[in-house]
Amino acid sequence: AADSMSFQSRRTQLLLVNSLTFGLEVCLAAGITYVPPLLLEVGVEEKFMTMVLGIGPVLGLVFVPLIGSASDHWHSSYGRRRPFIWVLCLGVLLSLFVIPHAGSLASLCALDPRPLEIAFLILGIGLLDFCGQVCFTPLEALLSDLFQEPDNCRQAFSMYAFMISLGGCIGYLLPAIDWAFLAPYLGGQESCLFSLLALIFLGCVLATLFVTEEAAQGDLLDGPALKDVSPKPSLSCCPLCRGCCLPRARRVLQALRNVCALLPRLHGLYCRIPRVIRRLFVAELCSWMALMTFMLFYTDFVGEGLYHGVPRAKPGTEARRHYDEG
């Protein structure tokens, strides 16, 4: 009976954690597919559009090592991974509000709303791409923490891969649906779509509140290379502010030290791995480059090439209607 309860609890935890995987992928697939036409409609040129969509990945290269190292050394009553996950999820939710309402926000802040509308749209897109992509790092670490045994780990990441695929399928399907029947309640197509994404994602985030992450797990799981070798200050012999600030300062310094050592460590690892794995890495790099290039332009291609629409045409005109249909 105890083994059965343990299995049921483990399966429940697996579904709760991977529900967020599903929600993230739905938002990224639907949002990133939909934003290139939005940028073109407000007047951003195609060469600048790709630069805007590159903001998130570039920031991810900088901050993923910092967030990973900081979460390894974090201690709180909510565990060490979930605080970072929740902060990044808050960024995703904020972006899902900013993107469809960029024009309204700009109108509230300036007499000439067009430049500010573009700025709000760029901010929302960068926030969605950055927070959504980076959130997968502590999420994968949480799965590794909760399911450490080899069989459980394989099952957990199989479910993780399935949820990513399912989220991608639904995320790519949602923009293809005409949400005009909800327009009287939620606004236009963009507002309806992003409101639906926000509801789905909020439900997935709330599911992580029921994940039982051990708060003291970090002390058991940190490897020797990740531990801070500096002695911990004694709270009994230090003032309160010093006792609070010194551990945080040490964690920040440790994170920066790990980031500085990341590139030499990766180079050493690259030199030690077998040649066939290096070829696999290069193949994956080229595959992702080709896939992302295709994904950035195929939505706009359908609107312009197949439906003969014009993204910069005035709303309500025949050319703009054809583009929106595409």
C-alpha atoms as a PDB file:
ATOM      1  CA  ALA A   1       0.000   0.000   0.000  1.00  0.00           C
ATOM      2  CA  ALA A   2       2.871   2.384   0.831  1.00  0.00           C
ATOM      3  CA  ASP A   3       4.515   1.668  -2.536  1.00  0.00           C
ATOM      4  CA  SER A   4       1.190   2.312  -4.291  1.00  0.00           C
ATOM      5  CA  MET A   5       0.767   5.633  -2.461  1.00  0.00           C
ATOM      6  CA  SER A   6       4.347   6.583  -3.307  1.00  0.00           C
ATOM      7  CA  PHE A   7       3.730   5.792  -6.974  1.00  0.00           C
ATOM      8  CA  GLN A   8       0.501   7.827  -7.025  1.00  0.00           C
ATOM      9  CA  SER A   9       2.224  10.764  -5.326  1.00  0.00           C
ATOM     10  CA  ARG A  10       5.178  10.601  -7.713  1.00  0.00           C
ATOM     11  CA  ARG A  11       2.888  10.501 -10.735  1.00  0.00           C
ATOM     12  CA  THR A  12       0.891  13.466  -9.417  1.00  0.00           C
ATOM     13  CA  GLN A  13       4.080  15.479  -8.871  1.00  0.00           C
ATOM     14  CA  LEU A  14       5.213  14.591 -12.371  1.00  0.00           C
ATOM     15  CA  LEU A  15       1.968  15.863 -13.896  1.00  0.00           C
ATOM     16  CA  LEU A  16       2.007  19.044 -11.797  1.00  0.00           C
ATOM     17  CA  VAL A  17       5.557  19.975 -12.799  1.00  0.00           C
ATOM     18  CA  ASN A  18       5.085  19.124 -16.467  1.00  0.00           C
ATOM     19  CA  SER A  19       1.841  21.067 -16.672  1.00  0.00           C
ATOM     20  CA  LEU A  20       4.041  24.165 -16.538  1.00  0.00           C
ATOM     21  CA  THR A  21       6.167  22.706 -19.347  1.00  0.00           C
ATOM     22  CA  PHE A  22       2.985  22.424 -21.391  1.00  0.00           C
ATOM     23  CA  GLY A  23       1.886  25.977 -20.570  1.00  0.00           C
ATOM     24  CA  LEU A  24       5.266  27.485 -21.424  1.00  0.00           C
ATOM     25  CA  GLU A  25       5.425  25.743 -24.786  1.00  0.00           C
ATOM     26  CA  VAL A  26       1.858  26.765 -25.681  1.00  0.00           C
ATOM     27  CA  CYS A  27       2.682  30.423 -24.982  1.00  0.00           C
ATOM     28  CA  LEU A  28       5.988  30.350 -26.838  1.00  0.00           C
ATOM     29  CA  ALA A  29       4.618  28.494 -29.867  1.00  0.00           C
ATOM     30  CA  ALA A  30       1.540  30.705 -30.218  1.00  0.00           C
ATOM     31  CA  GLY A  31       3.158  33.969 -29.151  1.00  0.00           C
ATOM     32  CA  ILE A  32       6.392  33.794 -31.119  1.00  0.00           C
ATOM     33  CA  THR A  33       4.480  32.626 -34.213  1.00  0.00           C
ATOM     34  CA  TYR A  34       2.092  35.561 -33.949  1.00  0.00           C
ATOM     35  CA  VAL A  35       4.495  38.391 -33.162  1.00  0.00           C
ATOM     36  CA  PRO A  36       6.298  38.805 -36.548  1.00  0.00           C
ATOM     37  CA  PRO A  37       3.074  40.024 -38.235  1.00  0.00           C
ATOM     38  CA  LEU A  38       2.410  42.337 -35.278  1.00  0.00           C
ATOM     39  CA  LEU A  39       5.841  43.926 -35.694  1.00  0.00           C
ATOM     40  CA  LEU A  40       5.351  44.369 -39.431  1.00  0.00           C
ATOM     41  CA  GLU A  41       1.887  45.876 -38.916  1.00  0.00           C
ATOM     42  CA  VAL A  42       3.236  48.649 -36.663  1.00  0.00           C
ATOM     43  CA  GLY A  43       5.904  49.542 -39.230  1.00  0.00           C
ATOM     44  CA  VAL A  44       9.009  47.608 -38.138  1.00  0.00           C
ATOM     45  CA  GLU A  45      11.113  46.568 -41.145  1.00  0.00           C
ATOM     46  CA  GLU A  46      11.944  42.897 -41.647  1.00  0.00           C
ATOM     47  CA  LYS A  47      15.668  43.349 -41.000  1.00  0.00           C
ATOM     48  CA  PHE A  48      14.899  44.984 -37.648  1.00  0.00           C
ATOM     49  CA  MET A  49      12.183  42.428 -36.889  1.00  0.00           C
ATOM     50  CA  THR A  50      14.760  39.632 -36.721  1.00  0.00           C
ATOM     51  CA  MET A  51      16.913  41.761 -34.414  1.00  0.00           C
ATOM     52  CA  VAL A  52      13.959  42.240 -32.069  1.00  0.00           C
ATOM     53  CA  LEU A  53      13.314  38.505 -32.003  1.00  0.00           C
ATOM     54  CA  GLY A  54      16.994  37.939 -31.197  1.00  0.00           C
ATOM     55  CA  ILE A  55      16.845  39.960 -27.962  1.00  0.00           C
ATOM     56  CA  GLY A  56      15.497  37.063 -25.880  1.00  0.00           C
ATOM     57  CA  PRO A  57      18.069  34.437 -26.950  1.00  0.00           C
ATOM     58  CA  VAL A  58      20.981  36.871 -26.498  1.00  0.00           C
ATOM     59  CA  LEU A  59      19.839  37.764 -22.980  1.00  0.00           C
ATOM     60  CA  GLY A  60      19.358  34.058 -22.306  1.00  0.00           C
ATOM     61  CA  LEU A  61      23.009  33.362 -23.134  1.00  0.00           C
ATOM     62  CA  VAL A  62      24.009  35.865 -20.458  1.00  0.00           C
ATOM     63  CA  PHE A  63      21.516  35.099 -17.711  1.00  0.00           C
ATOM     64  CA  VAL A  64      20.972  31.320 -17.926  1.00  0.00           C
ATOM     65  CA  PRO A  65      24.312  30.519 -16.202  1.00  0.00           C
ATOM     66  CA  LEU A  66      23.618  33.167 -13.547  1.00  0.00           C
ATOM     67  CA  ILE A  67      20.119  31.867 -12.831  1.00  0.00           C
ATOM     68  CA  GLY A  68      21.273  28.247 -12.832  1.00  0.00           C
ATOM     69  CA  SER A  69      24.090  28.937 -10.386  1.00  0.00           C
ATOM     70  CA  ALA A  70      21.916  31.123  -8.157  1.00  0.00           C
ATOM     71  CA  SER A  71      19.178  28.484  -7.961  1.00  0.00           C
ATOM     72  CA  ASP A  72      21.761  25.839  -7.020  1.00  0.00           C
ATOM     73  CA  HIS A  73      22.656  27.848  -3.912  1.00  0.00           C
ATOM     74  CA  TRP A  74      19.220  29.256  -3.085  1.00  0.00           C
ATOM     75  CA  HIS A  75      17.462  28.366   0.178  1.00  0.00           C
ATOM     76  CA  SER A  76      13.862  29.277   0.962  1.00  0.00           C
ATOM     77  CA  SER A  77      10.691  27.786   2.369  1.00  0.00           C
ATOM     78  CA  TYR A  78       9.472  27.285  -1.219  1.00  0.00           C
ATOM     79  CA  GLY A  79      12.526  25.312  -2.285  1.00  0.00           C
ATOM     80  CA  ARG A  80      15.380  26.464  -4.457  1.00  0.00           C
ATOM     81  CA  ARG A  81      13.906  26.202  -7.967  1.00  0.00           C
ATOM     82  CA  ARG A  82      10.320  27.407  -7.693  1.00  0.00           C
ATOM     83  CA  PRO A  83      11.078  31.038  -6.677  1.00  0.00           C
ATOM     84  CA  PHE A  84      13.036  31.486  -9.913  1.00  0.00           C
ATOM     85  CA  ILE A  85      10.345  29.688 -11.903  1.00  0.00           C
ATOM     86  CA  TRP A  86       7.632  31.950 -10.483  1.00  0.00           C
ATOM     87  CA  VAL A  87       9.557  35.167 -11.179  1.00  0.00           C
ATOM     88  CA  LEU A  88      10.123  34.123 -14.795  1.00  0.00           C
ATOM     89  CA  CYS A  89       6.474  33.071 -15.119  1.00  0.00           C
ATOM     90  CA  LEU A  90       5.464  36.517 -13.886  1.00  0.00           C
ATOM     91  CA  GLY A  91       7.499  37.966 -16.749  1.00  0.00           C
ATOM     92  CA  VAL A  92       5.667  35.708 -19.223  1.00  0.00           C
ATOM     93  CA  LEU A  93       2.265  36.791 -17.869  1.00  0.00           C
ATOM     94  CA  LEU A  94       3.287  40.448 -18.053  1.00  0.00           C
ATOM     95  CA  SER A  95       4.377  40.027 -21.672  1.00  0.00           C
ATOM     96  CA  LEU A  96       1.067  38.338 -22.571  1.00  0.00           C
ATOM     97  CA  PHE A  97      -0.664  41.497 -21.350  1.00  0.00           C
ATOM     98  CA  VAL A  98       1.721  44.039 -22.913  1.00  0.00           C
ATOM     99  CA  ILE A  99       1.887  42.577 -26.448  1.00  0.00           C
ATOM    100  CA  PRO A 100      -1.814  42.838 -27.424  1.00  0.00           C
ATOM    101  CA  HIS A 101      -2.318  46.111 -25.528  1.00  0.00           C
ATOM    102  CA  ALA A 102       0.824  47.943 -26.706  1.00  0.00           C
ATOM    103  CA  GLY A 103      -1.240  50.478 -28.657  1.00  0.00           C
ATOM    104  CA  SER A 104      -3.559  51.214 -25.725  1.00  0.00           C
ATOM    105  CA  LEU A 105      -0.653  51.614 -23.309  1.00  0.00           C
ATOM    106  CA  ALA A 106       1.120  53.955 -25.720  1.00  0.00           C
ATOM    107  CA  SER A 107      -2.019  56.082 -26.137  1.00  0.00           C
ATOM    108  CA  LEU A 108      -2.203  56.538 -22.375  1.00  0.00           C
ATOM    109  CA  CYS A 109       1.408  57.700 -22.118  1.00  0.00           C
ATOM    110  CA  ALA A 110       2.045  59.917 -25.163  1.00  0.00           C
ATOM    111  CA  LEU A 111       0.346  62.183 -27.696  1.00  0.00           C
ATOM    112  CA  ASP A 112       2.198  60.496 -30.571  1.00  0.00           C
ATOM    113  CA  PRO A 113       1.664  56.843 -29.665  1.00  0.00           C
ATOM    114  CA  ARG A 114       3.365  55.111 -32.621  1.00  0.00           C
ATOM    115  CA  PRO A 115       7.018  55.169 -31.365  1.00  0.00           C
ATOM    116  CA  LEU A 116       5.933  54.197 -27.866  1.00  0.00           C
ATOM    117  CA  GLU A 117       3.686  51.450 -29.243  1.00  0.00           C
ATOM    118  CA  ILE A 118       6.677  49.952 -31.044  1.00  0.00           C
ATOM    119  CA  ALA A 119       8.731  50.218 -27.837  1.00  0.00           C
ATOM    120  CA  PHE A 120       6.035  48.482 -25.760  1.00  0.00           C
ATOM    121  CA  LEU A 121       5.690  45.761 -28.392  1.00  0.00           C
ATOM    122  CA  ILE A 122       9.453  45.164 -28.480  1.00  0.00           C
ATOM    123  CA  LEU A 123       9.532  45.072 -24.676  1.00  0.00           C
ATOM    124  CA  GLY A 124       6.709  42.523 -24.527  1.00  0.00           C
ATOM    125  CA  ILE A 125       8.208  40.292 -27.212  1.00  0.00           C
ATOM    126  CA  GLY A 126      11.664  40.340 -25.625  1.00  0.00           C
ATOM    127  CA  LEU A 127      10.163  39.589 -22.218  1.00  0.00           C
ATOM    128  CA  LEU A 128       8.092  36.682 -23.560  1.00  0.00           C
ATOM    129  CA  ASP A 129      10.981  35.108 -25.438  1.00  0.00           C
ATOM    130  CA  PHE A 130      13.536  35.617 -22.658  1.00  0.00           C
ATOM    131  CA  CYS A 131      11.418  34.564 -19.671  1.00  0.00           C
ATOM    132  CA  GLY A 132       9.792  31.691 -21.553  1.00  0.00           C
ATOM    133  CA  GLN A 133      13.045  30.183 -22.802  1.00  0.00           C
ATOM    134  CA  VAL A 134      15.022  30.740 -19.590  1.00  0.00           C
ATOM    135  CA  CYS A 135      12.245  29.263 -17.422  1.00  0.00           C
ATOM    136  CA  PHE A 136      12.948  25.829 -18.894  1.00  0.00           C
ATOM    137  CA  THR A 137      16.349  25.776 -17.133  1.00  0.00           C
ATOM    138  CA  PRO A 138      15.118  25.786 -13.487  1.00  0.00           C
ATOM    139  CA  LEU A 139      12.164  23.642 -14.576  1.00  0.00           C
ATOM    140  CA  GLU A 140      14.473  20.907 -15.879  1.00  0.00           C
ATOM    141  CA  ALA A 141      16.571  21.238 -12.720  1.00  0.00           C
ATOM    142  CA  LEU A 142      13.419  20.805 -10.606  1.00  0.00           C
ATOM    143  CA  LEU A 143      12.599  17.604 -12.474  1.00  0.00           C
ATOM    144  CA  SER A 144      16.126  16.328 -11.856  1.00  0.00           C
ATOM    145  CA  ASP A 145      15.844  17.171  -8.147  1.00  0.00           C
ATOM    146  CA  LEU A 146      12.494  15.448  -7.685  1.00  0.00           C
ATOM    147  CA  PHE A 147      13.206  12.333  -9.758  1.00  0.00           C
ATOM    148  CA  GLN A 148      16.797  11.295  -9.103  1.00  0.00           C
ATOM    149  CA  GLU A 149      16.582   7.526  -9.567  1.00  0.00           C
ATOM    150  CA  PRO A 150      17.440   6.460 -13.146  1.00  0.00           C
ATOM    151  CA  ASP A 151      14.041   4.886 -13.900  1.00  0.00           C
ATOM    152  CA  ASN A 152      12.120   7.806 -12.424  1.00  0.00           C
ATOM    153  CA  CYS A 153      14.357  10.291 -14.224  1.00  0.00           C
ATOM    154  CA  ARG A 154      13.737   8.611 -17.590  1.00  0.00           C
ATOM    155  CA  GLN A 155       9.995   8.620 -16.957  1.00  0.00           C
ATOM    156  CA  ALA A 156      10.061  12.280 -15.894  1.00  0.00           C
ATOM    157  CA  PHE A 157      11.915  13.505 -18.963  1.00  0.00           C
ATOM    158  CA  SER A 158       9.827  11.335 -21.275  1.00  0.00           C
ATOM    159  CA  MET A 159       6.756  13.101 -19.899  1.00  0.00           C
ATOM    160  CA  TYR A 160       8.622  16.416 -20.231  1.00  0.00           C
ATOM    161  CA  ALA A 161       9.313  15.771 -23.930  1.00  0.00           C
ATOM    162  CA  PHE A 162       5.698  14.703 -24.502  1.00  0.00           C
ATOM    163  CA  MET A 163       4.350  17.868 -22.852  1.00  0.00           C
ATOM    164  CA  ILE A 164       6.645  20.049 -24.984  1.00  0.00           C
ATOM    165  CA  SER A 165       5.358  18.346 -28.138  1.00  0.00           C
ATOM    166  CA  LEU A 166       1.724  18.604 -27.019  1.00  0.00           C
ATOM    167  CA  GLY A 167       2.154  22.254 -26.058  1.00  0.00           C
ATOM    168  CA  GLY A 168       3.747  23.011 -29.424  1.00  0.00           C
ATOM    169  CA  CYS A 169       0.869  21.365 -31.304  1.00  0.00           C
ATOM    170  CA  ILE A 170      -1.781  23.324 -29.413  1.00  0.00           C
ATOM    171  CA  GLY A 171       0.261  26.526 -29.495  1.00  0.00           C
ATOM    172  CA  TYR A 172       0.588  26.434 -33.282  1.00  0.00           C
ATOM    173  CA  LEU A 173      -3.111  25.566 -33.635  1.00  0.00           C
ATOM    174  CA  LEU A 174      -4.503  28.444 -31.538  1.00  0.00           C
ATOM    175  CA  PRO A 175      -3.477  31.334 -33.875  1.00  0.00           C
ATOM    176  CA  ALA A 176      -5.153  29.518 -36.797  1.00  0.00           C
ATOM    177  CA  ILE A 177      -8.575  29.681 -35.098  1.00  0.00           C
ATOM    178  CA  ASP A 178     -10.813  32.663 -35.809  1.00  0.00           C
ATOM    179  CA  TRP A 179     -11.646  34.148 -32.404  1.00  0.00           C
ATOM    180  CA  ALA A 180     -14.054  36.745 -33.816  1.00  0.00           C
ATOM    181  CA  PHE A 181     -16.960  35.302 -31.814  1.00  0.00           C
ATOM    182  CA  LEU A 182     -15.173  36.418 -28.621  1.00  0.00           C
ATOM    183  CA  ALA A 183     -14.402  39.901 -29.950  1.00  0.00           C
ATOM    184  CA  PRO A 184     -17.368  41.589 -28.179  1.00  0.00           C
ATOM    185  CA  TYR A 185     -15.978  40.374 -24.834  1.00  0.00           C
ATOM    186  CA  LEU A 186     -12.186  40.431 -25.236  1.00  0.00           C
ATOM    187  CA  GLY A 187     -11.459  42.697 -28.200  1.00  0.00           C
ATOM    188  CA  GLY A 188      -9.878  41.731 -31.513  1.00  0.00           C
ATOM    189  CA  GLN A 189      -8.119  38.561 -32.625  1.00  0.00           C
ATOM    190  CA  GLU A 190      -4.886  39.462 -30.834  1.00  0.00           C
ATOM    191  CA  SER A 191      -6.577  40.283 -27.530  1.00  0.00           C
ATOM    192  CA  CYS A 192      -8.652  37.086 -27.624  1.00  0.00           C
ATOM    193  CA  LEU A 193      -5.643  34.906 -28.382  1.00  0.00           C
ATOM    194  CA  PHE A 194      -3.341  36.402 -25.758  1.00  0.00           C
ATOM    195  CA  SER A 195      -6.094  36.430 -23.118  1.00  0.00           C
ATOM    196  CA  LEU A 196      -6.636  32.724 -23.739  1.00  0.00           C
ATOM    197  CA  LEU A 197      -2.886  32.103 -23.505  1.00  0.00           C
ATOM    198  CA  ALA A 198      -2.755  34.008 -20.212  1.00  0.00           C
ATOM    199  CA  LEU A 199      -5.588  31.902 -18.746  1.00  0.00           C
ATOM    200  CA  ILE A 200      -3.956  28.632 -19.821  1.00  0.00           C
ATOM    201  CA  PHE A 201      -0.571  29.691 -18.496  1.00  0.00           C
ATOM    202  CA  LEU A 202      -1.935  30.996 -15.197  1.00  0.00           C
ATOM    203  CA  GLY A 203      -3.606  27.644 -14.535  1.00  0.00           C
ATOM    204  CA  CYS A 204      -0.342  25.821 -15.273  1.00  0.00           C
ATOM    205  CA  VAL A 205       1.611  28.128 -12.937  1.00  0.00           C
ATOM    206  CA  LEU A 206      -0.888  27.617 -10.107  1.00  0.00           C
ATOM    207  CA  ALA A 207      -0.359  23.859 -10.431  1.00  0.00           C
ATOM    208  CA  THR A 208       3.261  24.297  -9.294  1.00  0.00           C
ATOM    209  CA  LEU A 209       2.035  25.577  -5.911  1.00  0.00           C
ATOM    210  CA  PHE A 210       1.204  21.958  -5.049  1.00  0.00           C
ATOM    211  CA  VAL A 211       4.653  20.590  -5.916  1.00  0.00           C
ATOM    212  CA  THR A 212       6.395  19.313  -2.774  1.00  0.00           C
ATOM    213  CA  GLU A 213       9.919  20.565  -3.289  1.00  0.00           C
ATOM    214  CA  GLU A 214      12.179  19.983  -0.306  1.00  0.00           C
ATOM    215  CA  ALA A 215      13.534  23.272   1.030  1.00  0.00           C
ATOM    216  CA  ALA A 216      16.733  21.672   2.328  1.00  0.00           C
ATOM    217  CA  GLN A 217      17.356  19.632  -0.793  1.00  0.00           C
ATOM    218  CA  GLY A 218      20.087  21.952  -2.030  1.00  0.00           C
ATOM    219  CA  ASP A 219      22.480  20.927   0.725  1.00  0.00           C
ATOM    220  CA  LEU A 220      22.125  17.270  -0.227  1.00  0.00           C
ATOM    221  CA  LEU A 221      22.318  17.660  -3.980  1.00  0.00           C
ATOM    222  CA  ASP A 222      25.015  20.285  -4.513  1.00  0.00           C
ATOM    223  CA  GLY A 223      28.165  18.752  -5.860  1.00  0.00           C
ATOM    224  CA  PRO A 224      31.611  19.690  -4.549  1.00  0.00           C
ATOM    225  CA  ALA A 225      32.225  21.906  -7.560  1.00  0.00           C
ATOM    226  CA  LEU A 226      29.119  23.948  -6.851  1.00  0.00           C
ATOM    227  CA  LYS A 227      29.537  24.389  -3.102  1.00  0.00           C
ATOM    228  CA  ASP A 228      30.863  27.596  -1.664  1.00  0.00           C
ATOM    229  CA  VAL A 229      34.078  26.736   0.135  1.00  0.00           C
ATOM    230  CA  SER A 230      33.982  29.927   2.197  1.00  0.00           C
ATOM    231  CA  PRO A 231      32.964  29.455   5.835  1.00  0.00           C
ATOM    232  CA  LYS A 232      29.418  30.517   6.663  1.00  0.00           C
ATOM    233  CA  PRO A 233      29.145  33.509   8.989  1.00  0.00           C
ATOM    234  CA  SER A 234      27.763  32.874  12.430  1.00  0.00           C
ATOM    235  CA  LEU A 235      24.555  34.777  13.074  1.00  0.00           C
ATOM    236  CA  SER A 236      25.163  34.750  16.807  1.00  0.00           C
ATOM    237  CA  CYS A 237      28.320  36.838  16.553  1.00  0.00           C
ATOM    238  CA  CYS A 238      27.284  39.204  13.712  1.00  0.00           C
ATOM    239  CA  PRO A 239      24.819  42.068  13.593  1.00  0.00           C
ATOM    240  CA  LEU A 240      21.502  41.282  11.937  1.00  0.00           C
ATOM    241  CA  CYS A 241      22.127  43.251   8.752  1.00  0.00           C
ATOM    242  CA  ARG A 242      25.567  41.705   8.340  1.00  0.00           C
ATOM    243  CA  GLY A 243      24.198  38.228   8.926  1.00  0.00           C
ATOM    244  CA  CYS A 244      21.634  38.796   6.154  1.00  0.00           C
ATOM    245  CA  CYS A 245      23.862  40.557   3.637  1.00  0.00           C
ATOM    246  CA  LEU A 246      27.022  38.461   3.789  1.00  0.00           C
ATOM    247  CA  PRO A 247      25.457  35.150   2.678  1.00  0.00           C
ATOM    248  CA  ARG A 248      23.683  36.937  -0.164  1.00  0.00           C
ATOM    249  CA  ALA A 249      26.876  38.679  -1.243  1.00  0.00           C
ATOM    250  CA  ARG A 250      28.715  35.362  -1.176  1.00  0.00           C
ATOM    251  CA  ARG A 251      25.999  33.767  -3.314  1.00  0.00           C
ATOM    252  CA  VAL A 252      26.242  36.596  -5.855  1.00  0.00           C
ATOM    253  CA  LEU A 253      30.043  36.344  -5.966  1.00  0.00           C
ATOM    254  CA  GLN A 254      29.826  32.571  -6.314  1.00  0.00           C
ATOM    255  CA  ALA A 255      27.376  32.962  -9.210  1.00  0.00           C
ATOM    256  CA  LEU A 256      29.675  35.462 -10.955  1.00  0.00           C
ATOM    257  CA  ARG A 257      32.644  33.161 -10.367  1.00  0.00           C
ATOM    258  CA  ASN A 258      30.766  30.259 -11.926  1.00  0.00           C
ATOM    259  CA  VAL A 259      29.828  32.378 -14.944  1.00  0.00           C
ATOM    260  CA  CYS A 260      33.456  33.426 -15.484  1.00  0.00           C
ATOM    261  CA  ALA A 261      34.541  29.789 -15.275  1.00  0.00           C
ATOM    262  CA  LEU A 262      31.769  28.603 -17.592  1.00  0.00           C
ATOM    263  CA  LEU A 263      33.492  29.119 -20.947  1.00  0.00           C
ATOM    264  CA  PRO A 264      36.804  27.433 -19.963  1.00  0.00           C
ATOM    265  CA  ARG A 265      34.790  24.586 -18.435  1.00  0.00           C
ATOM    266  CA  LEU A 266      32.715  24.187 -21.600  1.00  0.00           C
ATOM    267  CA  HIS A 267      35.851  24.245 -23.756  1.00  0.00           C
ATOM    268  CA  GLY A 268      37.469  21.554 -21.618  1.00  0.00           C
ATOM    269  CA  LEU A 269      34.306  19.471 -21.775  1.00  0.00           C
ATOM    270  CA  TYR A 270      34.125  19.908 -25.542  1.00  0.00           C
ATOM    271  CA  CYS A 271      37.704  18.673 -25.927  1.00  0.00           C
ATOM    272  CA  ARG A 272      36.972  15.534 -23.891  1.00  0.00           C
ATOM    273  CA  ILE A 273      33.734  14.415 -25.536  1.00  0.00           C
ATOM    274  CA  PRO A 274      33.827  11.840 -28.370  1.00  0.00           C
ATOM    275  CA  ARG A 275      33.959  13.070 -31.942  1.00  0.00           C
ATOM    276  CA  VAL A 276      30.546  11.616 -32.772  1.00  0.00           C
ATOM    277  CA  ILE A 277      28.956  13.719 -30.012  1.00  0.00           C
ATOM    278  CA  ARG A 278      30.642  16.830 -31.408  1.00  0.00           C
ATOM    279  CA  ARG A 279      29.095  16.084 -34.792  1.00  0.00           C
ATOM    280  CA  LEU A 280      25.738  15.643 -33.082  1.00  0.00           C
ATOM    281  CA  PHE A 281      26.095  19.070 -31.446  1.00  0.00           C
ATOM    282  CA  VAL A 282      26.936  20.698 -34.789  1.00  0.00           C
ATOM    283  CA  ALA A 283      23.977  18.954 -36.442  1.00  0.00           C
ATOM    284  CA  GLU A 284      21.640  20.153 -33.704  1.00  0.00           C
ATOM    285  CA  LEU A 285      22.991  23.708 -34.010  1.00  0.00           C
ATOM    286  CA  CYS A 286      22.401  23.766 -37.766  1.00  0.00           C
ATOM    287  CA  SER A 287      18.947  22.201 -37.375  1.00  0.00           C
ATOM    288  CA  TRP A 288      17.837  24.829 -34.865  1.00  0.00           C
ATOM    289  CA  MET A 289      19.234  27.639 -37.018  1.00  0.00           C
ATOM    290  CA  ALA A 290      17.250  26.395 -40.018  1.00  0.00           C
ATOM    291  CA  LEU A 291      14.089  25.766 -37.993  1.00  0.00           C
ATOM    292  CA  MET A 292      14.097  29.179 -36.306  1.00  0.00           C
ATOM    293  CA  THR A 293      14.704  30.958 -39.626  1.00  0.00           C
ATOM    294  CA  PHE A 294      11.710  29.141 -41.098  1.00  0.00           C
ATOM    295  CA  MET A 295       9.490  29.824 -38.086  1.00  0.00           C
ATOM    296  CA  LEU A 296      10.217  33.560 -38.095  1.00  0.00           C
ATOM    297  CA  PHE A 297       9.067  34.085 -41.665  1.00  0.00           C
ATOM    298  CA  TYR A 298       6.456  31.479 -42.569  1.00  0.00           C
ATOM    299  CA  THR A 299       3.578  33.303 -40.820  1.00  0.00           C
ATOM    300  CA  ASP A 300       4.333  36.500 -42.724  1.00  0.00           C
ATOM    301  CA  PHE A 301       4.863  34.512 -45.938  1.00  0.00           C
ATOM    302  CA  VAL A 302       1.356  33.047 -45.746  1.00  0.00           C
ATOM    303  CA  GLY A 303      -0.164  36.493 -45.180  1.00  0.00           C
ATOM    304  CA  GLU A 304       1.770  38.217 -47.964  1.00  0.00           C
ATOM    305  CA  GLY A 305       2.698  35.466 -50.425  1.00  0.00           C
ATOM    306  CA  LEU A 306      -0.376  33.236 -50.401  1.00  0.00           C
ATOM    307  CA  TYR A 307      -3.128  35.666 -49.387  1.00  0.00           C
ATOM    308  CA  HIS A 308      -1.571  38.706 -51.140  1.00  0.00           C
ATOM    309  CA  GLY A 309      -2.088  40.922 -48.126  1.00  0.00           C
ATOM    310  CA  VAL A 310      -0.129  43.995 -47.045  1.00  0.00           C
ATOM    311  CA  PRO A 311       0.861  44.163 -43.346  1.00  0.00           C
ATOM    312  CA  ARG A 312       1.268  47.965 -43.327  1.00  0.00           C
ATOM    313  CA  ALA A 313      -2.116  48.633 -44.944  1.00  0.00           C
ATOM    314  CA  LYS A 314      -4.673  50.548 -42.897  1.00  0.00           C
ATOM    315  CA  PRO A 315      -6.963  48.431 -40.693  1.00  0.00           C
ATOM    316  CA  GLY A 316     -10.252  47.629 -42.416  1.00  0.00           C
ATOM    317  CA  THR A 317      -8.891  47.793 -45.965  1.00  0.00           C
ATOM    318  CA  GLU A 318      -9.049  44.821 -48.320  1.00  0.00           C
ATOM    319  CA  ALA A 319      -5.262  44.340 -48.324  1.00  0.00           C
ATOM    320  CA  ARG A 320      -5.078  44.335 -44.525  1.00  0.00           C
ATOM    321  CA  ARG A 321      -8.038  41.957 -44.234  1.00  0.00           C
ATOM    322  CA  HIS A 322      -6.353  39.479 -46.591  1.00  0.00           C
ATOM    323  CA  TYR A 323      -3.150  39.693 -44.557  1.00  0.00           C
ATOM    324  CA  ASP A 324      -4.976  39.101 -41.272  1.00  0.00           C
ATOM    325  CA  GLU A 325      -6.795  36.111 -42.757  1.00  0.00           C
ATOM    326  CA  GLY A 326      -3.487  34.644 -43.897  1.00  0.00           C
END
